[in-house]
Amino acid sequence: MTETTTAPESEAPGALTTLLQQQFSDTLLDFHNHRGDETVRIKRGAIVPVCQFLRDDPRCKFELMVDLTAVDYFEQGRDPRFEVVYHFKSLAHGHRLRVKAPVPEDDCRVDSIHELWKAVNWYERECWDMFGIEFTGHPNLTRLLMYEQFEGHPLRKDYPMDRQQPIMELREIDERNQYGRA
């Protein structure tokens, strides 16, 4: 993380990045700022305290966790292989922040932040279902988009495209049979 007074706009820290550098200097790995959208990379072990700070500090006041996803860098050969990406929005201040946490393949887990924003529950389940990243402390880390018998995690770059999955029989649901009928 280099910081110079002559850094171009895309490398100069924004106000949120500067604040996070002051509060969490030992956990901030990297940052960039492009057209006012700030991105910080932090150590995965610091995700809960950093997110709590972003939500509770009046200078940040991120009321919304807009999105949570992951990136698989398998094809690029990066280590760590995964990155969990959080997108936050402050309605009070009108700013956004992207927070990234690198996650190694051999210990594919990060702490859950479901207690900070209730909607995170579904996003973490989706991320686990698609990428296989475990969210430690999540109350119900079960499949969300794929059926329970599905084997593997389909958005991993090494997931075989021609893999045959167990075929499940369709179950009749009483609601389906009565929907829209008197």
Protein backbone atom coordinates (compact mmCIF):
# COMPACT_ATOMS: atom_id res chain seq x y z
CA MET A 1 0.00 0.00 0.00
CA THR A 2 1.81 3.07 -1.24
CA GLU A 3 0.63 6.56 -0.61
CA THR A 4 2.13 9.65 -2.22
CA THR A 5 1.03 13.24 -2.46
CA THR A 6 1.20 13.05 -6.27
CA ALA A 7 -0.86 9.90 -6.64
CA PRO A 8 -3.42 9.91 -9.45
CA GLU A 9 -7.09 10.09 -8.47
CA SER A 10 -7.54 6.33 -8.88
CA GLU A 11 -4.86 5.65 -6.24
CA ALA A 12 -5.47 8.52 -3.83
CA PRO A 13 -7.34 7.47 -0.70
CA GLY A 14 -10.84 8.86 -0.33
CA ALA A 15 -12.35 10.08 2.92
CA LEU A 16 -13.69 6.63 3.90
CA THR A 17 -10.41 4.92 3.10
CA THR A 18 -8.52 7.49 5.16
CA LEU A 19 -10.90 6.93 8.06
CA LEU A 20 -10.45 3.16 7.83
CA GLN A 21 -6.67 3.59 7.66
CA GLN A 22 -6.82 5.53 10.92
CA GLN A 23 -9.15 3.10 12.68
CA PHE A 24 -7.91 -0.24 11.28
CA SER A 25 -4.36 0.37 10.06
CA ASP A 26 -3.24 -3.19 10.89
CA THR A 27 -6.08 -4.83 8.93
CA LEU A 28 -6.19 -2.73 5.75
CA LEU A 29 -4.36 -4.57 2.97
CA ASP A 30 -4.97 -2.35 -0.04
CA PHE A 31 -7.31 0.29 -1.45
CA HIS A 32 -8.25 2.16 -4.59
CA ASN A 33 -10.60 4.96 -5.52
CA HIS A 34 -12.12 5.21 -8.98
CA ARG A 35 -14.51 8.04 -9.83
CA GLY A 36 -15.52 8.43 -6.21
CA ASP A 37 -16.22 4.74 -5.61
CA GLU A 38 -13.87 3.57 -2.90
CA THR A 39 -12.70 -0.01 -2.48
CA VAL A 40 -10.73 -1.40 0.44
CA ARG A 41 -9.23 -4.85 0.94
CA ILE A 42 -9.04 -6.00 4.54
CA LYS A 43 -7.91 -9.11 6.37
CA ARG A 44 -10.79 -11.57 6.55
CA GLY A 45 -10.50 -11.85 10.33
CA ALA A 46 -11.42 -8.17 10.66
CA ILE A 47 -14.64 -8.28 8.66
CA VAL A 48 -16.99 -8.11 11.67
CA PRO A 49 -15.33 -5.17 13.51
CA VAL A 50 -14.82 -3.22 10.27
CA CYS A 51 -18.44 -3.75 9.19
CA GLN A 52 -19.73 -2.84 12.63
CA PHE A 53 -17.67 0.36 12.51
CA LEU A 54 -19.04 1.16 9.04
CA ARG A 55 -22.60 0.71 10.25
CA ASP A 56 -22.35 2.44 13.64
CA ASP A 57 -19.88 5.30 13.20
CA PRO A 58 -21.76 8.54 12.38
CA ARG A 59 -19.07 9.51 9.84
CA CYS A 60 -19.87 6.35 7.86
CA LYS A 61 -23.45 5.35 8.72
CA PHE A 62 -23.82 2.58 6.16
CA GLU A 63 -27.45 1.66 6.67
CA LEU A 64 -27.58 -0.70 3.70
CA MET A 65 -25.57 -3.75 2.82
CA VAL A 66 -26.45 -3.72 -0.87
CA ASP A 67 -24.76 -6.88 -2.08
CA LEU A 68 -22.44 -9.67 -1.08
CA THR A 69 -20.74 -11.91 -3.58
CA ALA A 70 -17.45 -13.66 -4.21
CA VAL A 71 -14.82 -13.80 -6.92
CA ASP A 72 -12.93 -16.96 -7.83
CA TYR A 73 -9.44 -16.24 -9.17
CA PHE A 74 -8.70 -19.90 -10.02
CA GLU A 75 -7.90 -19.19 -13.68
CA GLN A 76 -5.56 -16.32 -12.77
CA GLY A 77 -3.73 -18.53 -10.29
CA ARG A 78 -4.00 -15.94 -7.52
CA ASP A 79 -3.41 -16.81 -3.93
CA PRO A 80 -5.66 -16.54 -2.02
CA ARG A 81 -8.04 -17.96 -4.56
CA PHE A 82 -11.27 -16.28 -3.42
CA GLU A 83 -12.37 -12.82 -2.42
CA VAL A 84 -15.63 -12.08 -0.63
CA VAL A 85 -16.96 -8.71 -1.81
CA TYR A 86 -19.36 -6.54 0.20
CA HIS A 87 -21.12 -3.47 -1.23
CA PHE A 88 -22.39 -0.84 1.22
CA LYS A 89 -24.49 2.29 0.77
CA SER A 90 -25.00 5.20 3.15
CA LEU A 91 -28.29 6.96 2.53
CA ALA A 92 -27.45 9.64 5.11
CA HIS A 93 -24.16 10.60 3.45
CA GLY A 94 -24.84 9.44 -0.10
CA HIS A 95 -21.66 7.42 -0.45
CA ARG A 96 -20.80 3.83 -1.33
CA LEU A 97 -18.01 1.55 -0.30
CA ARG A 98 -16.81 -1.81 -1.54
CA VAL A 99 -15.03 -4.02 1.00
CA LYS A 100 -13.10 -7.07 -0.12
CA ALA A 101 -11.72 -9.85 2.05
CA PRO A 102 -9.35 -12.45 0.57
CA VAL A 103 -10.19 -16.07 1.44
CA PRO A 104 -7.76 -18.96 0.86
CA GLU A 105 -8.98 -22.16 -0.78
CA ASP A 106 -7.67 -24.44 1.98
CA ASP A 107 -9.53 -22.52 4.73
CA CYS A 108 -12.54 -21.28 2.81
CA ARG A 109 -14.38 -19.41 5.53
CA VAL A 110 -15.10 -15.90 6.77
CA ASP A 111 -17.06 -14.66 9.79
CA SER A 112 -20.76 -13.98 9.24
CA ILE A 113 -22.09 -10.43 9.54
CA HIS A 114 -25.76 -11.50 9.60
CA GLU A 115 -26.28 -9.85 12.98
CA LEU A 116 -25.33 -6.43 11.61
CA TRP A 117 -27.71 -6.43 8.61
CA LYS A 118 -30.53 -8.98 8.63
CA ALA A 119 -30.66 -9.23 4.82
CA VAL A 120 -27.10 -10.59 4.81
CA ASN A 121 -28.53 -13.94 5.85
CA TRP A 122 -29.72 -14.67 2.30
CA TYR A 123 -26.62 -13.25 0.60
CA GLU A 124 -24.30 -15.40 2.70
CA ARG A 125 -26.38 -18.47 1.94
CA GLU A 126 -26.24 -17.70 -1.78
CA CYS A 127 -22.48 -17.19 -1.65
CA TRP A 128 -22.01 -20.47 0.19
CA ASP A 129 -24.32 -22.29 -2.23
CA MET A 130 -22.59 -20.96 -5.36
CA PHE A 131 -18.93 -20.70 -4.22
CA GLY A 132 -18.63 -22.95 -1.15
CA ILE A 133 -17.38 -20.18 1.12
CA GLU A 134 -18.47 -20.91 4.68
CA PHE A 135 -19.74 -18.06 6.85
CA THR A 136 -18.79 -18.90 10.41
CA GLY A 137 -21.58 -18.19 12.88
CA HIS A 138 -24.35 -18.13 10.28
CA PRO A 139 -27.59 -19.49 11.82
CA ASN A 140 -28.80 -21.48 8.78
CA LEU A 141 -26.10 -22.02 6.19
CA THR A 142 -28.10 -24.23 3.84
CA ARG A 143 -28.55 -24.21 0.09
CA LEU A 144 -30.62 -21.37 -1.26
CA LEU A 145 -30.62 -21.66 -5.07
CA MET A 146 -29.64 -25.27 -5.64
CA TYR A 147 -31.46 -28.31 -4.25
CA GLU A 148 -30.02 -30.04 -1.17
CA GLN A 149 -28.70 -33.07 -3.09
CA PHE A 150 -26.74 -30.90 -5.54
CA GLU A 151 -23.07 -31.80 -5.41
CA GLY A 152 -20.47 -29.04 -5.51
CA HIS A 153 -20.66 -25.29 -5.96
CA PRO A 154 -21.44 -24.24 -9.55
CA LEU A 155 -19.76 -20.80 -9.66
CA ARG A 156 -16.34 -22.15 -8.78
CA LYS A 157 -14.13 -21.87 -11.85
CA ASP A 158 -12.99 -25.49 -11.50
CA TYR A 159 -16.56 -26.86 -11.41
CA PRO A 160 -16.87 -29.32 -14.34
CA MET A 161 -19.33 -27.99 -16.91
CA ASP A 162 -20.39 -31.50 -17.95
CA ARG A 163 -20.95 -32.82 -14.44
CA GLN A 164 -24.10 -34.90 -14.06
CA GLN A 165 -26.13 -34.11 -10.96
CA PRO A 166 -28.52 -36.46 -9.19
CA ILE A 167 -31.96 -36.05 -10.73
CA MET A 168 -34.65 -35.44 -8.17
CA GLU A 169 -38.27 -36.39 -8.62
CA LEU A 170 -40.73 -33.51 -8.64
CA ARG A 171 -42.83 -33.35 -5.54
CA GLU A 172 -46.42 -32.28 -5.75
CA ILE A 173 -47.23 -29.35 -3.54
CA ASP A 174 -50.81 -28.95 -2.39
CA GLU A 175 -50.54 -25.20 -2.83
CA ARG A 176 -49.65 -25.61 -6.52
CA ASN A 177 -52.75 -27.70 -7.13
CA GLN A 178 -55.07 -25.20 -5.47
CA TYR A 179 -53.51 -21.94 -6.58
CA GLY A 180 -55.99 -19.67 -8.35
CA ARG A 181 -58.86 -22.07 -7.95
CA ALA A 182 -62.01 -21.48 -5.97
